[in-house]
Amino acid sequence: LSAPDNRGKGVFWWEPAVTGGLRSRGFFDDDGNALPVITVFDKLTRH
């Protein structure tokens, strides 16, 4: 991911273990298993 005009690269990070009303935005289900959204990081790593 990149910002326009070479203003930086990076990832906007949020707390993936969030519970309550924001639970659907986390990376893990109620049992602690990773949800499919975790695969987004495959696009950001060098292979």
N, C-alpha and C. Protein backbone atom coordinates (compact mmCIF):
# COMPACT_ATOMS: atom_id res chain seq x y z
N LEU A 1 0.84 -1.18 0.00
CA LEU A 1 0.00 0.00 0.00
C LEU A 1 0.88 1.23 0.00
N SER A 2 0.49 2.23 -0.72
CA SER A 2 1.30 3.44 -0.73
C SER A 2 0.42 4.68 -0.72
N ALA A 3 1.00 5.76 -0.27
CA ALA A 3 0.31 7.04 -0.25
C ALA A 3 0.72 7.82 -1.50
N PRO A 4 -0.12 8.74 -1.97
CA PRO A 4 0.21 9.52 -3.17
C PRO A 4 1.49 10.33 -3.00
N ASP A 5 2.17 10.57 -4.09
CA ASP A 5 3.36 11.42 -4.12
C ASP A 5 4.46 10.94 -3.17
N ASN A 6 4.61 9.64 -3.03
CA ASN A 6 5.66 9.05 -2.19
C ASN A 6 5.64 9.58 -0.76
N ARG A 7 4.47 9.76 -0.21
CA ARG A 7 4.34 10.28 1.16
C ARG A 7 4.39 9.18 2.20
N GLY A 8 4.74 8.00 1.81
CA GLY A 8 4.89 6.93 2.78
C GLY A 8 4.21 5.65 2.36
N LYS A 9 4.60 4.61 3.01
CA LYS A 9 4.00 3.30 2.79
C LYS A 9 3.68 2.72 4.14
N GLY A 10 2.68 1.86 4.18
CA GLY A 10 2.37 1.24 5.45
C GLY A 10 0.97 0.69 5.50
N VAL A 11 0.61 0.32 6.69
CA VAL A 11 -0.68 -0.30 6.95
C VAL A 11 -1.34 0.45 8.09
N PHE A 12 -2.61 0.77 7.95
CA PHE A 12 -3.36 1.34 9.06
C PHE A 12 -3.76 0.18 9.95
N TRP A 13 -3.31 0.18 11.18
CA TRP A 13 -3.49 -0.96 12.08
C TRP A 13 -4.53 -0.64 13.14
N TRP A 14 -5.35 -1.59 13.45
CA TRP A 14 -6.31 -1.46 14.55
C TRP A 14 -6.17 -2.68 15.44
N GLU A 15 -6.76 -2.64 16.59
CA GLU A 15 -6.67 -3.75 17.54
C GLU A 15 -7.46 -4.94 17.02
N PRO A 16 -6.78 -6.02 16.56
CA PRO A 16 -7.47 -7.16 15.97
C PRO A 16 -8.19 -8.03 16.98
N ALA A 17 -7.91 -7.88 18.24
CA ALA A 17 -8.54 -8.72 19.27
C ALA A 17 -9.74 -8.03 19.90
N VAL A 18 -10.25 -7.00 19.26
CA VAL A 18 -11.35 -6.22 19.80
C VAL A 18 -12.59 -7.09 20.02
N THR A 19 -13.35 -6.76 21.05
CA THR A 19 -14.59 -7.48 21.32
C THR A 19 -15.73 -6.48 21.40
N GLY A 20 -16.91 -6.96 21.66
CA GLY A 20 -18.06 -6.07 21.78
C GLY A 20 -18.61 -5.68 20.43
N GLY A 21 -19.05 -4.43 20.30
CA GLY A 21 -19.67 -3.96 19.08
C GLY A 21 -18.79 -3.98 17.85
N LEU A 22 -17.48 -3.99 18.05
CA LEU A 22 -16.55 -4.00 16.91
C LEU A 22 -16.03 -5.40 16.60
N ARG A 23 -16.61 -6.41 17.20
CA ARG A 23 -16.12 -7.77 17.03
C ARG A 23 -16.01 -8.17 15.56
N SER A 24 -16.95 -7.74 14.74
CA SER A 24 -16.94 -8.13 13.33
C SER A 24 -15.78 -7.52 12.55
N ARG A 25 -15.03 -6.63 13.17
CA ARG A 25 -13.89 -6.01 12.50
C ARG A 25 -12.57 -6.60 12.96
N GLY A 26 -12.61 -7.63 13.76
CA GLY A 26 -11.39 -8.24 14.27
C GLY A 26 -10.83 -9.29 13.34
N PHE A 27 -9.71 -9.87 13.73
CA PHE A 27 -9.04 -10.91 12.95
C PHE A 27 -9.34 -12.30 13.46
N PHE A 28 -10.02 -12.40 14.62
CA PHE A 28 -10.22 -13.70 15.25
C PHE A 28 -11.68 -13.89 15.64
N ASP A 29 -12.13 -15.16 15.61
CA ASP A 29 -13.49 -15.46 16.05
C ASP A 29 -13.53 -15.59 17.56
N ASP A 30 -14.68 -15.92 18.11
CA ASP A 30 -14.83 -16.01 19.56
C ASP A 30 -13.99 -17.10 20.20
N ASP A 31 -13.54 -18.08 19.40
CA ASP A 31 -12.70 -19.16 19.91
C ASP A 31 -11.22 -18.90 19.71
N GLY A 32 -10.87 -17.74 19.16
CA GLY A 32 -9.46 -17.40 18.96
C GLY A 32 -8.89 -17.87 17.64
N ASN A 33 -9.73 -18.38 16.75
CA ASN A 33 -9.26 -18.83 15.44
C ASN A 33 -9.19 -17.65 14.48
N ALA A 34 -8.15 -17.65 13.65
CA ALA A 34 -8.00 -16.57 12.68
C ALA A 34 -9.11 -16.62 11.64
N LEU A 35 -9.64 -15.46 11.31
CA LEU A 35 -10.66 -15.33 10.27
C LEU A 35 -9.98 -15.12 8.91
N PRO A 36 -10.67 -15.36 7.81
CA PRO A 36 -10.07 -15.21 6.49
C PRO A 36 -9.44 -13.84 6.22
N VAL A 37 -9.89 -12.80 6.90
CA VAL A 37 -9.33 -11.47 6.68
C VAL A 37 -7.82 -11.44 6.94
N ILE A 38 -7.31 -12.34 7.73
CA ILE A 38 -5.89 -12.36 8.06
C ILE A 38 -5.02 -12.55 6.81
N THR A 39 -5.59 -13.12 5.75
CA THR A 39 -4.81 -13.35 4.53
C THR A 39 -4.46 -12.06 3.80
N VAL A 40 -5.03 -10.93 4.21
CA VAL A 40 -4.66 -9.66 3.58
C VAL A 40 -3.17 -9.40 3.72
N PHE A 41 -2.56 -9.91 4.77
CA PHE A 41 -1.14 -9.69 4.98
C PHE A 41 -0.28 -10.46 3.99
N ASP A 42 -0.84 -11.47 3.32
CA ASP A 42 -0.10 -12.17 2.28
C ASP A 42 0.24 -11.23 1.13
N LYS A 43 -0.58 -10.23 0.89
CA LYS A 43 -0.35 -9.27 -0.18
C LYS A 43 0.73 -8.26 0.19
N LEU A 44 1.05 -8.14 1.46
CA LEU A 44 1.99 -7.12 1.93
C LEU A 44 3.36 -7.68 2.27
N THR A 45 3.55 -8.97 2.09
CA THR A 45 4.85 -9.57 2.41
C THR A 45 5.58 -9.92 1.13
N ARG A 46 6.87 -9.95 1.23
CA ARG A 46 7.68 -10.35 0.07
C ARG A 46 7.82 -11.86 0.07
N HIS A 47 7.62 -12.44 -1.08
CA HIS A 47 7.71 -13.90 -1.21
C HIS A 47 8.98 -14.28 -1.92
